[in-house]
Amino acid sequence: MSLLSSLLSMELLVRKRCWLLVALAALLSCGSVGSLPQGAPETVCDTMLPFHAGGTVLPENSVSPFGIETSSSVIGQGQTMRVDVTGAPAGLSFGGFMIQARNRNPPYQIVGQFSPSRDGTVKLMNCENSVNNSATHSNAGPKQQVSLDWQSPVDFLGQVVFNATVAQSYNQFWVGVPSNPVQVVRRDLSAAAPLPTASPPNNFNVNYPSTRTPYVPPSYVAPNVVAVEEDSFYDGCGQSKNCFGFPDGCVASKSCTSVSAVTVRGDVYEFELRSGKGSNAAYVAFGLSDDAKMGEDLTTECVPENGRVNLYSSYTSASPFSAVRANVPQNSARLLNASLVDGVIYCKVQRDPITVVQGRSFDLKNGVYHMLVASGSSLKENSVGYHDIGRLPSGNPINLAVVQDVGGSSQLLVRLHGAFMIAAWIGTTSLGIIFARYFKQTWVGSQTCGKDQWFAWHRMLMVTTWTLTVVAYILIWVELKRAVWHAHSITGLITVILCFLQPIGALFRPGPNDKMRPYFNWGHWLGGNLAHILAIVAIFFSVKLPKAELPEWMDWILVGFVVFHVLVHLIFSIYLCVNHWQISGIASDRQQSQRINTFQMGDMTHHHQHAMRNGMSMERKMDAPYGGLRKGLLGIYSVVLLLFVVVLILLVVLAPIEKLFE
């Protein structure tokens, strides 16, 4: 029995030691990886701080050896991109992580949705009352890289930054490791195809405010950041390749918002396209055109989609205006190289020397073409959006193989159109309305060409308005050669129609005593004021047109003019009311005197009868009261109005005005 007891005791001792060894191995494993085995809990959604050792272990303040890499820096609403958590140098292992995308600007809310991983290494989290908007590890085993799919919100525009916590060991982790910003741009949702990810619940992507900004160590420096030589694209421009971009003249200053380059070696035609840094472009495109106008052009598009830059060929249509990829041979161009760094789209494309589209041949070897460069901030399904960032055609058609300095097409007609419209509707119309409304009883007895001064000035100013408007409208038609429909063109067309009809209606003006005269007066007043208001609205809309190249702060100058114009009208209206009261009193006294002294004698003239019917029997040779004040205010108004007109015309003629200050 004693022997048996001894054997049993030894066996128990061996088993205890084995369990101790297993526990020690587990402890050592925790020390080497040191992450929660089932991932981060949802209680740390806001802080992203691991609660290691009861919170006594603090995050590292040194530069993180781990980084967040995104497959794209621009993504459309509702699209999907790849996000990688990786170490530097490659092969560096980590155990745990937590990652989420936040709005770069206040309120720093979590946005977007992660997709489940195929290998089961990622656990999705529900933070801020939303679903799958954060991700963590599902096991704490060592890993060298984690790849996730992230879908951008459909109701968000702006920049997002991925923030991550990465744990290399139990006592060593980094919190708030950021990625480079990713720009979420507009996308045409009306025709968007279904996305591969599952539809989220109803509370998905609700923008709940965050209680704190993402934590970023003060000494953090993004790993593996390599300085990009921005000017390398322009090497050889005008010497070994043709370069063209906008705004016009930007190639010389190496500051293009979008730029293209064409290199020809025998029958090899290589096109390079690049968007400008900070332009937030969703695409950049290059076209070949016979007439420098959009329509029936062969277009090359470089579009970031789902984490990569894709190449498309399209054919533009003038009526209706669109860029269509259908029936265009996509194999006529090949993507040689592409990148998307800090929001800058770059692609290098090789095109066949001859491309046939809808029976039309684009012969790069023997033909001459205008170069078109365009970029925009939105996408449509199977097409690019409007080129709201900018568009510019080259001034002359060129043979692509002949290296030369390529300049943009002349904007003279566009500039003249804008200058004439501002002179007409900010200048002469505003002043002409003032004369007609407030100066009928001023300069009484003084005439020009047999007409009262107020009428002579009013007619001269309005004829000038009519002439400038018609000429400006013809100039823009010569420039565009087709109808382009947007807010500016629609309001402008209505203005031109009203302006054209005003003098025609004036030719049929009834006589002063005609019963139809009041109807004419109201119609003439309504047509003139409506045209004036719509013209100013159209000028506001023109500030947003890429072709105009006007600064956004021009809106404030226009607002200043409107406020000044309304204020002057208010002051003149007060004078008019005071004059009416005084004249009414004088007329009442004179009517009573006329009744006593002349009515019984039957010696009343037709002029006196008409004056009494209107309550006005003041002598026509006498100016209304406060004539000096009205003339003084008119002088001030004219000088200030002239300053507004000169400043606005300079902004139009010298656009883009920012180039002068550079």
Foldseek 3Di string as FASTA:
>chain_A
DVVVVVVVVVVVVVVVVVVVVVVVVVVVVQQQAVDDFQWDDQVCVFAQDDCFPNVPQDADLDAAQKAKDWLFQEAEAFFKTKIKIAGPPQPQKHFKKKKAKFAPDPLGFTWWAWAQDPVRQKDFDAYPNAGRRMIMGRGRDIDGMDMIMTTGHNPDFAKIKMFMKIGRHSRYIHGGRIHQIHGYFYEPPVPDDDDPGDDTDPPHGDGDGRPDHGDDNPNYDHPPDDDDDLLPVLPCALHQWPKDAPPWPCSVVSQGQKMKIWGDDPQKIKMKIKGGAPLLFQKKKKWWADPFAFAQIWMWIWGDGHSFTDIAIFGFHVVVTFTARPQFPRVQKDWDDWGHDNNMTMTMMIGGQWGAGPNDIDHLQPDWTKMKIATDRYQYVRGRDDRLSAMWIWCDTGRRNDRHHTTTHDCVLVLLLQLLLLCQQLNLLLLLVCLVPQPPQAQQPDDDPPHRPSVVSNVVSLVSSLVSLVVSVVSVCVVNVDDDDDLLRVLSVLLNVLSVCLVVLVVVQDDPPDPCNVVSVVVSVVSSVSSSVSSLVSSLVVCSHNSQQFDNCVVVLSVVSVVVSVVLVVVSVVVVVVLVVVQLVVLVVVVVVCCVPPVVVVPDDPVNVVCVVVSGDPDSRHGGPPNVVSVVSSVVVNVVSVVSSVVSSCSRNVPVPVVVVD
